[in-house]
Each structure stands twice: as structure tokens, then as C-alpha cells.
Amino acid sequence: MKRAPSRGWPSTIVGIFLLAVMLFPVYWMVNASLQPAGNTLRGGWFPFHPDFSGYATALRDQGTNLVTSLVVALGSVALSLGLATPAAYALAHFPMRGTNLVLFGILITQMVPGIVVANALYSAYNDLGLLNSYLGLILADSSAGVPFAILILRSFMQSIPKEIIEAARVDGAGSWRAFRSVVLPISANSLITAAVFTFLFTWSDFLFALTLTTTETVRPITLGIYQYIGAHTNRWNAVMATAVLASAPAAVLLAVAQRYVTAGTTSGAIK
């Protein structure tokens, strides 16, 4: 009996081609970062003699900005989850009037253009003295992280059987202890998912960084790259090395948390 020819090869070839097209800018970024200083168009397709001077320059000039982005991103994750987790639990398991209205309001906040929020925050920050501060950037980035985290966490917490929570209360656990000892461990995947997306949004934020910082005291890496290009247009290896260093934390985080993110985004869809 002859084996039917595989029909998946065309799709596989198309998939490989599209993947190569999407990854080519990443490859060229890494390749250009290992070339000598100068115009990247004159560099070879492969760095047979890699030059790491671009990374030395990037670490010297942008190391502080990388630390700033890390502090702001981790702070935004902590604040967003700290506010969103109990809010999502309340919206999922405590019946109250106006829940749908609250959720509608949360969705509306996701539709507001970032430039509108940034301009409004600039005036408020200027009066409160929060410009050029870690706290100011953390609060600004959390304004987008909290609504998204609430939507992700509530979707999952709705799928938690109420019998599990009621059993914990029968055993003597109060509402807070049941939330801490039962709901949070079960919601680990969704918590990681919300944390990852909040971190990625904060890490890649440019608008809030540009609007709410006016000095070099607190400058995230996105703004550092933006100003770095104008100052070092002839040293593209340093510019690309900075871009590689800025991309590395996000890439490592996604690689480590991939299976948790996959589980967290789908677990709330099935009850």
C-alpha cells in the first residue's frame, strides 16, 4: 500500500520563509553589533572577525540606563500585580452590583491613546515633583499594566471552582487566608502571564519615558537608544550592541516563561 504524499511540506516551507524574514532584522542587528565602527552597509554577512568594541562602548554609556529600565520594569510588575490580583479576585468571586460596568471601564482605559495619558501625567507630575523619578515612571507604566492584569487574572479566577474556596473556609480559613493560600497558588500561571506582559510593556516603553523625563538622572534604555543614535551616527556597532543588550532580558524572560504564558492565556477559557 503506497503511502499518501505529505501535504504539509508547502506550509512548512512557507512557515520557514516567513520565520526567516521576521528574524532577519534580529540577525542583522547582532551581526552589525560585531562589526568594526562605521557604516553597517559595508559590513559582511557574517562576522568572521568579531569586534566587541561596540559592546564595550554600549556598556560604558548605557549601563546605567539598562539598570534604570530594570528597576522601573520590576517596580511596575510588583505594583501592577499587587493592585490587580485582589481586584481580579473580588470581581470574579464576590457578587456585587456594577461589576459589568467596572469591567467596561477597565476596557475603556485600554483604548485611551498613550499620548493622552502621558500629557495628563506630565502636568500632574510637574505639580507633584514626580518628573525624572523612578516612582513616576513606575506609576505611569502601571496605568497600563493594572487593567491588563485584571482582565487576565479575572478570566482565570472565574474558572476556579467555588467549592475549593468554600472548603478552605469550612476548614477555618478566612477570606484573606483562602485568597493567599488557595487562590494565589492555583493562579500561578496567570500571575506569571500578567507579570511577563507587564514587564515587556514597561521594558519597551518609550512614550512615558520621553514625556516624563527631562534630564539624564532617570533615563530608560529605550530613550537612551533614541538619543544615542543622534550622538553616534558613525558608530553603528555601538548602537546595535545597545539594541542587543536591550533585547536580551526580554528574550530570556520569554524563553524561561513560555510554557507558563501559554498555560496562563488559555486556562481561563475552559471551565
Foldseek 3Di string as FASTA:
>chain_A
DDDDDDPCVVVVVVVVVVVCVVCVVVLLLVQLLQDFFFDSVPDDSHCPPGDNVLLVVLCVQCVVQAVLLVLLLVLLLVVLCVPQQVVLLCLQPPDDPCSVVVLVVLVVLLVDDLLVLLVVLLVVCVVVVNFLHSVSLSVSLNSNLNSVLSVLNNLQSNPPDVVQLVVVVVVPDDPVRSCVVPVCVVLVLSSLLSSLVSSVCSLQDDNNQVRRYDDPSRHHLNVVLVVVCVVRVRGSSNSSSSVCVSCVVSVVSCVVSVVSNVCSNCNSVDD
